[in-house]
Amino acid sequence: MARIAGINIPMNKHAWVGLTHIYGVGRARALTACTAAGVNPATKVKDLTEAEVNAIRSQIAKFASRATCAAKCR
Protein backbone atom coordinates (compact mmCIF):
# COMPACT_ATOMS: atom_id res chain seq x y z
CA MET A 1 0.00 0.00 0.00
CA ALA A 2 1.34 3.42 -0.95
CA ARG A 3 1.61 5.86 1.94
CA ILE A 4 1.67 9.56 1.04
CA ALA A 5 1.39 12.42 3.56
CA GLY A 6 0.64 9.94 6.33
CA ILE A 7 -2.36 8.47 4.49
CA ASN A 8 -2.62 4.94 3.08
CA ILE A 9 -3.72 5.31 -0.53
CA PRO A 10 -6.13 2.56 -1.72
CA MET A 11 -4.38 0.20 -4.11
CA ASN A 12 -7.26 -0.50 -6.50
CA LYS A 13 -8.03 3.11 -7.39
CA HIS A 14 -6.59 5.37 -10.06
CA ALA A 15 -3.72 7.50 -8.79
CA TRP A 16 -5.63 10.79 -8.92
CA VAL A 17 -8.65 9.30 -7.13
CA GLY A 18 -6.46 7.81 -4.41
CA LEU A 19 -4.77 11.17 -3.81
CA THR A 20 -8.14 12.75 -2.99
CA HIS A 21 -8.14 10.71 0.23
CA ILE A 22 -5.52 13.14 1.53
CA TYR A 23 -7.01 16.09 3.41
CA GLY A 24 -6.74 19.23 1.31
CA VAL A 25 -6.22 17.40 -1.99
CA GLY A 26 -9.20 17.54 -4.34
CA ARG A 27 -9.62 16.56 -7.95
CA ALA A 28 -7.77 19.50 -9.44
CA ARG A 29 -4.82 19.29 -7.06
CA ALA A 30 -4.57 15.51 -7.47
CA LEU A 31 -4.49 15.79 -11.26
CA THR A 32 -1.95 18.62 -11.05
CA ALA A 33 0.29 16.56 -8.76
CA CYS A 34 0.17 13.56 -11.07
CA THR A 35 1.00 15.52 -14.21
CA ALA A 36 3.75 17.50 -12.47
CA ALA A 37 5.25 14.22 -11.26
CA GLY A 38 5.11 12.78 -14.78
CA VAL A 39 2.63 10.07 -13.81
CA ASN A 40 -0.44 9.13 -15.84
CA PRO A 41 -3.38 9.98 -13.53
CA ALA A 42 -5.30 6.92 -14.80
CA THR A 43 -2.62 4.49 -13.55
CA LYS A 44 -3.77 2.27 -10.70
CA VAL A 45 -1.90 2.83 -7.44
CA LYS A 46 -0.84 -0.83 -7.33
CA ASP A 47 0.91 -0.37 -10.70
CA LEU A 48 2.96 2.67 -9.66
CA THR A 49 6.71 2.21 -9.29
CA GLU A 50 8.50 3.39 -6.18
CA ALA A 51 10.04 6.23 -8.19
CA GLU A 52 6.59 7.40 -9.31
CA VAL A 53 5.26 7.26 -5.74
CA ASN A 54 8.24 9.31 -4.56
CA ALA A 55 7.64 11.87 -7.33
CA ILE A 56 3.97 12.20 -6.33
CA ARG A 57 4.98 12.39 -2.67
CA SER A 58 7.29 15.33 -3.41
CA GLN A 59 4.54 17.16 -5.33
CA ILE A 60 2.06 16.69 -2.48
CA ALA A 61 4.70 17.93 -0.03
CA LYS A 62 4.93 21.17 -2.03
CA PHE A 63 1.19 21.74 -1.58
CA ALA A 64 1.45 21.04 2.14
CA SER A 65 4.32 23.49 2.58
CA ARG A 66 2.35 26.21 0.76
CA ALA A 67 -0.69 25.64 2.96
CA THR A 68 1.44 25.77 6.10
CA CYS A 69 3.07 29.00 4.97
CA ALA A 70 -0.29 30.58 4.16
CA ALA A 71 -1.67 29.66 7.57
CA LYS A 72 1.35 31.09 9.39
CA CYS A 73 1.36 34.32 7.39
CA ARG A 74 -2.17 35.29 8.44
C-alpha atoms as a PDB file:
ATOM      1  CA  MET A   1       0.000   0.000   0.000  1.00  0.00           C
ATOM      2  CA  ALA A   2       1.338   3.417  -0.948  1.00  0.00           C
ATOM      3  CA  ARG A   3       1.610   5.859   1.935  1.00  0.00           C
ATOM      4  CA  ILE A   4       1.670   9.557   1.041  1.00  0.00           C
ATOM      5  CA  ALA A   5       1.395  12.415   3.556  1.00  0.00           C
ATOM      6  CA  GLY A   6       0.641   9.935   6.326  1.00  0.00           C
ATOM      7  CA  ILE A   7      -2.359   8.466   4.486  1.00  0.00           C
ATOM      8  CA  ASN A   8      -2.619   4.944   3.081  1.00  0.00           C
ATOM      9  CA  ILE A   9      -3.716   5.312  -0.532  1.00  0.00           C
ATOM     10  CA  PRO A  10      -6.135   2.561  -1.719  1.00  0.00           C
ATOM     11  CA  MET A  11      -4.376   0.200  -4.112  1.00  0.00           C
ATOM     12  CA  ASN A  12      -7.255  -0.499  -6.503  1.00  0.00           C
ATOM     13  CA  LYS A  13      -8.029   3.112  -7.387  1.00  0.00           C
ATOM     14  CA  HIS A  14      -6.591   5.365 -10.058  1.00  0.00           C
ATOM     15  CA  ALA A  15      -3.718   7.497  -8.792  1.00  0.00           C
ATOM     16  CA  TRP A  16      -5.628  10.790  -8.922  1.00  0.00           C
ATOM     17  CA  VAL A  17      -8.653   9.301  -7.127  1.00  0.00           C
ATOM     18  CA  GLY A  18      -6.462   7.812  -4.409  1.00  0.00           C
ATOM     19  CA  LEU A  19      -4.775  11.173  -3.811  1.00  0.00           C
ATOM     20  CA  THR A  20      -8.141  12.747  -2.992  1.00  0.00           C
ATOM     21  CA  HIS A  21      -8.138  10.707   0.231  1.00  0.00           C
ATOM     22  CA  ILE A  22      -5.519  13.138   1.534  1.00  0.00           C
ATOM     23  CA  TYR A  23      -7.010  16.087   3.414  1.00  0.00           C
ATOM     24  CA  GLY A  24      -6.744  19.232   1.312  1.00  0.00           C
ATOM     25  CA  VAL A  25      -6.222  17.401  -1.987  1.00  0.00           C
ATOM     26  CA  GLY A  26      -9.195  17.537  -4.335  1.00  0.00           C
ATOM     27  CA  ARG A  27      -9.625  16.563  -7.952  1.00  0.00           C
ATOM     28  CA  ALA A  28      -7.765  19.499  -9.436  1.00  0.00           C
ATOM     29  CA  ARG A  29      -4.823  19.292  -7.056  1.00  0.00           C
ATOM     30  CA  ALA A  30      -4.571  15.508  -7.474  1.00  0.00           C
ATOM     31  CA  LEU A  31      -4.487  15.793 -11.260  1.00  0.00           C
ATOM     32  CA  THR A  32      -1.946  18.624 -11.047  1.00  0.00           C
ATOM     33  CA  ALA A  33       0.294  16.564  -8.760  1.00  0.00           C
ATOM     34  CA  CYS A  34       0.169  13.560 -11.073  1.00  0.00           C
ATOM     35  CA  THR A  35       0.998  15.517 -14.209  1.00  0.00           C
ATOM     36  CA  ALA A  36       3.751  17.499 -12.473  1.00  0.00           C
ATOM     37  CA  ALA A  37       5.254  14.220 -11.264  1.00  0.00           C
ATOM     38  CA  GLY A  38       5.112  12.777 -14.777  1.00  0.00           C
ATOM     39  CA  VAL A  39       2.628  10.068 -13.807  1.00  0.00           C
ATOM     40  CA  ASN A  40      -0.443   9.128 -15.835  1.00  0.00           C
ATOM     41  CA  PRO A  41      -3.382   9.979 -13.528  1.00  0.00           C
ATOM     42  CA  ALA A  42      -5.302   6.915 -14.797  1.00  0.00           C
ATOM     43  CA  THR A  43      -2.622   4.494 -13.551  1.00  0.00           C
ATOM     44  CA  LYS A  44      -3.765   2.268 -10.704  1.00  0.00           C
ATOM     45  CA  VAL A  45      -1.903   2.831  -7.437  1.00  0.00           C
ATOM     46  CA  LYS A  46      -0.844  -0.830  -7.330  1.00  0.00           C
ATOM     47  CA  ASP A  47       0.907  -0.371 -10.700  1.00  0.00           C
ATOM     48  CA  LEU A  48       2.964   2.672  -9.661  1.00  0.00           C
ATOM     49  CA  THR A  49       6.706   2.210  -9.286  1.00  0.00           C
ATOM     50  CA  GLU A  50       8.503   3.390  -6.177  1.00  0.00           C
ATOM     51  CA  ALA A  51      10.044   6.233  -8.188  1.00  0.00           C
ATOM     52  CA  GLU A  52       6.590   7.400  -9.311  1.00  0.00           C
ATOM     53  CA  VAL A  53       5.264   7.258  -5.736  1.00  0.00           C
ATOM     54  CA  ASN A  54       8.243   9.312  -4.563  1.00  0.00           C
ATOM     55  CA  ALA A  55       7.638  11.869  -7.331  1.00  0.00           C
ATOM     56  CA  ILE A  56       3.967  12.204  -6.330  1.00  0.00           C
ATOM     57  CA  ARG A  57       4.980  12.393  -2.666  1.00  0.00           C
ATOM     58  CA  SER A  58       7.292  15.331  -3.414  1.00  0.00           C
ATOM     59  CA  GLN A  59       4.541  17.155  -5.334  1.00  0.00           C
ATOM     60  CA  ILE A  60       2.057  16.685  -2.477  1.00  0.00           C
ATOM     61  CA  ALA A  61       4.696  17.933  -0.030  1.00  0.00           C
ATOM     62  CA  LYS A  62       4.930  21.171  -2.026  1.00  0.00           C
ATOM     63  CA  PHE A  63       1.190  21.739  -1.577  1.00  0.00           C
ATOM     64  CA  ALA A  64       1.453  21.045   2.144  1.00  0.00           C
ATOM     65  CA  SER A  65       4.317  23.493   2.580  1.00  0.00           C
ATOM     66  CA  ARG A  66       2.354  26.211   0.757  1.00  0.00           C
ATOM     67  CA  ALA A  67      -0.689  25.639   2.958  1.00  0.00           C
ATOM     68  CA  THR A  68       1.437  25.769   6.102  1.00  0.00           C
ATOM     69  CA  CYS A  69       3.072  29.002   4.973  1.00  0.00           C
ATOM     70  CA  ALA A  70      -0.293  30.583   4.159  1.00  0.00           C
ATOM     71  CA  ALA A  71      -1.669  29.662   7.566  1.00  0.00           C
ATOM     72  CA  LYS A  72       1.354  31.092   9.388  1.00  0.00           C
ATOM     73  CA  CYS A  73       1.360  34.316   7.391  1.00  0.00           C
ATOM     74  CA  ARG A  74      -2.169  35.287   8.440  1.00  0.00           C
END
